[in-house]
Amino acid sequence: MRLFSFCLLLLLVSCGGPRVMLPSGGSAPGTNAGPSACFIKGRIITIDRPTGGDSTSPCSRFPCSASVAIMEVGGCGAGVTEPLTPGDIVTMHFSMTLEPSKEVFPTGRMNLPGLESGDVFTAAAVQRLKPGGSAVFVVNEYTRQ
């Protein structure tokens, strides 16, 4: 009975530890952005033209891909097989396009300002593996600096 009481007391005490609050926008700078992501600060170098393929896809009408110069890396998750480092220039896919989100998704809740060549932003860049072993980094949300 004493052992049970001791274990219960230990459990209750360990549950009251400090908690770290993150900003409502997601991961805080310098923290792990997730198991398959790197938290980065980057600058848009060039923006690729829309693909023009599937007319139902936003990427057929709006740019979704850009070359990004990595300025800072705040941390990468353990699942990232090709970690980013400052100075890298990487092609990234922007799932919500590089246009302002209100123009692309007028009824959507997300309010992204859009990015142009030269703009600096922070984001959690999620690594997606492609067949053949290569990888692409996908940005779902970002904050323009």
C-alpha atoms as a PDB file:
ATOM      1  CA  MET A   1       0.000   0.000   0.000  1.00  0.00           C
ATOM      2  CA  ARG A   2       2.855   2.368   0.812  1.00  0.00           C
ATOM      3  CA  LEU A   3       4.444   1.642  -2.558  1.00  0.00           C
ATOM      4  CA  PHE A   4       1.181   2.473  -4.328  1.00  0.00           C
ATOM      5  CA  SER A   5       0.838   5.744  -2.369  1.00  0.00           C
ATOM      6  CA  PHE A   6       4.446   6.663  -3.143  1.00  0.00           C
ATOM      7  CA  CYS A   7       3.965   5.965  -6.878  1.00  0.00           C
ATOM      8  CA  LEU A   8       0.743   7.972  -6.951  1.00  0.00           C
ATOM      9  CA  LEU A   9       2.417  10.901  -5.177  1.00  0.00           C
ATOM     10  CA  LEU A  10       5.381  10.741  -7.573  1.00  0.00           C
ATOM     11  CA  LEU A  11       3.019  10.742 -10.557  1.00  0.00           C
ATOM     12  CA  LEU A  12       1.110  13.782  -9.283  1.00  0.00           C
ATOM     13  CA  VAL A  13       4.278  15.759  -8.579  1.00  0.00           C
ATOM     14  CA  SER A  14       5.795  14.998 -11.991  1.00  0.00           C
ATOM     15  CA  CYS A  15       2.683  16.212 -13.853  1.00  0.00           C
ATOM     16  CA  GLY A  16       3.003  19.749 -12.518  1.00  0.00           C
ATOM     17  CA  GLY A  17       6.206  20.658 -14.382  1.00  0.00           C
ATOM     18  CA  PRO A  18       6.749  23.934 -16.226  1.00  0.00           C
ATOM     19  CA  ARG A  19       5.215  24.381 -19.639  1.00  0.00           C
ATOM     20  CA  VAL A  20       6.623  26.335 -22.567  1.00  0.00           C
ATOM     21  CA  MET A  21       4.081  28.437 -24.417  1.00  0.00           C
ATOM     22  CA  LEU A  22       4.627  28.918 -28.156  1.00  0.00           C
ATOM     23  CA  PRO A  23       3.211  31.808 -30.176  1.00  0.00           C
ATOM     24  CA  SER A  24      -0.142  31.085 -31.802  1.00  0.00           C
ATOM     25  CA  GLY A  25       1.558  31.073 -35.222  1.00  0.00           C
ATOM     26  CA  GLY A  26       3.254  27.717 -34.591  1.00  0.00           C
ATOM     27  CA  SER A  27       6.828  26.926 -33.640  1.00  0.00           C
ATOM     28  CA  ALA A  28       8.962  29.539 -31.976  1.00  0.00           C
ATOM     29  CA  PRO A  29      12.250  30.506 -33.599  1.00  0.00           C
ATOM     30  CA  GLY A  30      15.046  28.235 -32.504  1.00  0.00           C
ATOM     31  CA  THR A  31      12.772  25.352 -31.604  1.00  0.00           C
ATOM     32  CA  ASN A  32      12.287  22.024 -33.266  1.00  0.00           C
ATOM     33  CA  ALA A  33       9.663  22.605 -35.955  1.00  0.00           C
ATOM     34  CA  GLY A  34       8.563  18.967 -36.029  1.00  0.00           C
ATOM     35  CA  PRO A  35      10.065  15.561 -36.776  1.00  0.00           C
ATOM     36  CA  SER A  36      10.295  16.141 -40.545  1.00  0.00           C
ATOM     37  CA  ALA A  37      10.826  19.903 -40.605  1.00  0.00           C
ATOM     38  CA  CYS A  38      13.412  22.650 -40.198  1.00  0.00           C
ATOM     39  CA  PHE A  39      12.543  26.062 -38.794  1.00  0.00           C
ATOM     40  CA  ILE A  40      14.196  28.506 -41.202  1.00  0.00           C
ATOM     41  CA  LYS A  41      14.690  32.134 -42.082  1.00  0.00           C
ATOM     42  CA  GLY A  42      15.064  32.498 -45.837  1.00  0.00           C
ATOM     43  CA  ARG A  43      15.103  34.980 -48.700  1.00  0.00           C
ATOM     44  CA  ILE A  44      13.243  34.450 -51.970  1.00  0.00           C
ATOM     45  CA  ILE A  45      15.769  34.450 -54.832  1.00  0.00           C
ATOM     46  CA  THR A  46      13.584  33.594 -57.836  1.00  0.00           C
ATOM     47  CA  ILE A  47       9.965  32.553 -58.265  1.00  0.00           C
ATOM     48  CA  ASP A  48       9.062  29.826 -60.757  1.00  0.00           C
ATOM     49  CA  ARG A  49       6.146  30.365 -63.133  1.00  0.00           C
ATOM     50  CA  PRO A  50       2.855  28.472 -62.592  1.00  0.00           C
ATOM     51  CA  THR A  51       2.813  24.940 -63.997  1.00  0.00           C
ATOM     52  CA  GLY A  52      -0.309  25.480 -66.134  1.00  0.00           C
ATOM     53  CA  GLY A  53      -1.300  21.796 -65.911  1.00  0.00           C
ATOM     54  CA  ASP A  54      -4.366  20.781 -63.889  1.00  0.00           C
ATOM     55  CA  SER A  55      -6.725  23.773 -64.025  1.00  0.00           C
ATOM     56  CA  THR A  56      -8.300  22.852 -60.663  1.00  0.00           C
ATOM     57  CA  SER A  57      -4.973  23.237 -58.852  1.00  0.00           C
ATOM     58  CA  PRO A  58      -4.028  26.697 -57.549  1.00  0.00           C
ATOM     59  CA  CYS A  59      -0.451  25.994 -58.701  1.00  0.00           C
ATOM     60  CA  SER A  60      -1.634  25.874 -62.321  1.00  0.00           C
ATOM     61  CA  ARG A  61      -2.617  29.559 -62.048  1.00  0.00           C
ATOM     62  CA  PHE A  62      -0.384  30.963 -59.301  1.00  0.00           C
ATOM     63  CA  PRO A  63       3.325  30.452 -58.513  1.00  0.00           C
ATOM     64  CA  CYS A  64       3.981  27.761 -55.906  1.00  0.00           C
ATOM     65  CA  SER A  65       7.717  27.159 -56.247  1.00  0.00           C
ATOM     66  CA  ALA A  66      10.708  29.386 -55.517  1.00  0.00           C
ATOM     67  CA  SER A  67      14.461  29.265 -55.002  1.00  0.00           C
ATOM     68  CA  VAL A  68      15.171  30.203 -51.398  1.00  0.00           C
ATOM     69  CA  ALA A  69      18.492  31.251 -49.855  1.00  0.00           C
ATOM     70  CA  ILE A  70      18.669  29.852 -46.325  1.00  0.00           C
ATOM     71  CA  MET A  71      19.803  32.605 -43.941  1.00  0.00           C
ATOM     72  CA  GLU A  72      19.285  30.892 -40.565  1.00  0.00           C
ATOM     73  CA  VAL A  73      18.216  27.459 -39.338  1.00  0.00           C
ATOM     74  CA  GLY A  74      16.606  27.318 -35.904  1.00  0.00           C
ATOM     75  CA  GLY A  75      16.581  23.540 -35.711  1.00  0.00           C
ATOM     76  CA  CYS A  76      15.640  20.449 -37.696  1.00  0.00           C
ATOM     77  CA  GLY A  77      13.644  17.440 -36.588  1.00  0.00           C
ATOM     78  CA  ALA A  78      15.151  13.985 -36.276  1.00  0.00           C
ATOM     79  CA  GLY A  79      13.330  12.792 -39.415  1.00  0.00           C
ATOM     80  CA  VAL A  80      15.019  15.304 -41.745  1.00  0.00           C
ATOM     81  CA  THR A  81      17.412  13.319 -43.939  1.00  0.00           C
ATOM     82  CA  GLU A  82      18.922  16.353 -45.720  1.00  0.00           C
ATOM     83  CA  PRO A  83      19.179  19.118 -43.079  1.00  0.00           C
ATOM     84  CA  LEU A  84      19.307  22.712 -44.269  1.00  0.00           C
ATOM     85  CA  THR A  85      22.262  24.934 -43.406  1.00  0.00           C
ATOM     86  CA  PRO A  86      22.799  28.692 -43.761  1.00  0.00           C
ATOM     87  CA  GLY A  87      24.028  29.517 -47.254  1.00  0.00           C
ATOM     88  CA  ASP A  88      22.078  26.715 -48.959  1.00  0.00           C
ATOM     89  CA  ILE A  89      19.932  27.646 -51.952  1.00  0.00           C
ATOM     90  CA  VAL A  90      16.967  25.297 -52.127  1.00  0.00           C
ATOM     91  CA  THR A  91      13.874  25.052 -54.321  1.00  0.00           C
ATOM     92  CA  MET A  92      10.832  25.052 -52.027  1.00  0.00           C
ATOM     93  CA  HIS A  93       7.172  24.369 -52.722  1.00  0.00           C
ATOM     94  CA  PHE A  94       4.668  26.781 -51.133  1.00  0.00           C
ATOM     95  CA  SER A  95       1.410  24.862 -50.672  1.00  0.00           C
ATOM     96  CA  MET A  96      -0.682  28.043 -50.313  1.00  0.00           C
ATOM     97  CA  THR A  97       1.093  29.667 -53.327  1.00  0.00           C
ATOM     98  CA  LEU A  98       3.324  32.751 -53.227  1.00  0.00           C
ATOM     99  CA  GLU A  99       0.404  35.098 -53.958  1.00  0.00           C
ATOM    100  CA  PRO A 100      -1.546  36.736 -51.110  1.00  0.00           C
ATOM    101  CA  SER A 101      -3.895  34.049 -49.784  1.00  0.00           C
ATOM    102  CA  LYS A 102      -6.964  36.316 -50.012  1.00  0.00           C
ATOM    103  CA  GLU A 103      -6.506  36.472 -53.808  1.00  0.00           C
ATOM    104  CA  VAL A 104      -6.122  32.716 -54.228  1.00  0.00           C
ATOM    105  CA  PHE A 105      -8.509  31.514 -51.501  1.00  0.00           C
ATOM    106  CA  PRO A 106     -10.970  34.415 -50.948  1.00  0.00           C
ATOM    107  CA  THR A 107     -13.152  32.433 -48.537  1.00  0.00           C
ATOM    108  CA  GLY A 108     -10.246  30.864 -46.635  1.00  0.00           C
ATOM    109  CA  ARG A 109      -9.339  31.660 -43.044  1.00  0.00           C
ATOM    110  CA  MET A 110      -5.597  31.901 -43.649  1.00  0.00           C
ATOM    111  CA  ASN A 111      -4.222  35.382 -44.240  1.00  0.00           C
ATOM    112  CA  LEU A 112      -0.772  35.072 -45.823  1.00  0.00           C
ATOM    113  CA  PRO A 113       0.643  38.294 -47.336  1.00  0.00           C
ATOM    114  CA  GLY A 114       2.341  36.715 -50.354  1.00  0.00           C
ATOM    115  CA  LEU A 115       6.059  36.730 -51.148  1.00  0.00           C
ATOM    116  CA  GLU A 116       8.106  38.316 -53.935  1.00  0.00           C
ATOM    117  CA  SER A 117      11.749  38.070 -54.995  1.00  0.00           C
ATOM    118  CA  GLY A 118      13.940  39.566 -52.273  1.00  0.00           C
ATOM    119  CA  ASP A 119      11.410  39.059 -49.459  1.00  0.00           C
ATOM    120  CA  VAL A 120      12.653  37.535 -46.188  1.00  0.00           C
ATOM    121  CA  PHE A 121      10.416  35.108 -44.287  1.00  0.00           C
ATOM    122  CA  THR A 122      10.408  32.553 -41.476  1.00  0.00           C
ATOM    123  CA  ALA A 123       8.692  29.190 -41.726  1.00  0.00           C
ATOM    124  CA  ALA A 124       8.712  25.550 -40.783  1.00  0.00           C
ATOM    125  CA  ALA A 125       9.921  23.870 -43.988  1.00  0.00           C
ATOM    126  CA  VAL A 126       8.661  20.271 -44.013  1.00  0.00           C
ATOM    127  CA  GLN A 127      10.789  17.719 -45.847  1.00  0.00           C
ATOM    128  CA  ARG A 128       8.859  15.400 -48.185  1.00  0.00           C
ATOM    129  CA  LEU A 129      10.734  12.473 -49.691  1.00  0.00           C
ATOM    130  CA  LYS A 130      10.275  11.778 -53.392  1.00  0.00           C
ATOM    131  CA  PRO A 131      10.666   8.422 -55.158  1.00  0.00           C
ATOM    132  CA  GLY A 132      14.310   7.780 -55.904  1.00  0.00           C
ATOM    133  CA  GLY A 133      15.575   9.193 -52.616  1.00  0.00           C
ATOM    134  CA  SER A 134      15.491  12.931 -53.323  1.00  0.00           C
ATOM    135  CA  ALA A 135      13.589  15.356 -51.121  1.00  0.00           C
ATOM    136  CA  VAL A 136      11.623  18.572 -51.465  1.00  0.00           C
ATOM    137  CA  PHE A 137      10.874  21.098 -48.735  1.00  0.00           C
ATOM    138  CA  VAL A 138       7.263  22.281 -48.446  1.00  0.00           C
ATOM    139  CA  VAL A 139       6.166  25.507 -46.743  1.00  0.00           C
ATOM    140  CA  ASN A 140       2.546  25.519 -45.555  1.00  0.00           C
ATOM    141  CA  GLU A 141       2.622  28.790 -43.574  1.00  0.00           C
ATOM    142  CA  TYR A 142       5.158  31.587 -43.268  1.00  0.00           C
ATOM    143  CA  THR A 143       5.698  34.985 -41.712  1.00  0.00           C
ATOM    144  CA  ARG A 144       7.087  37.742 -43.920  1.00  0.00           C
ATOM    145  CA  GLN A 145       9.767  39.801 -42.142  1.00  0.00           C
END
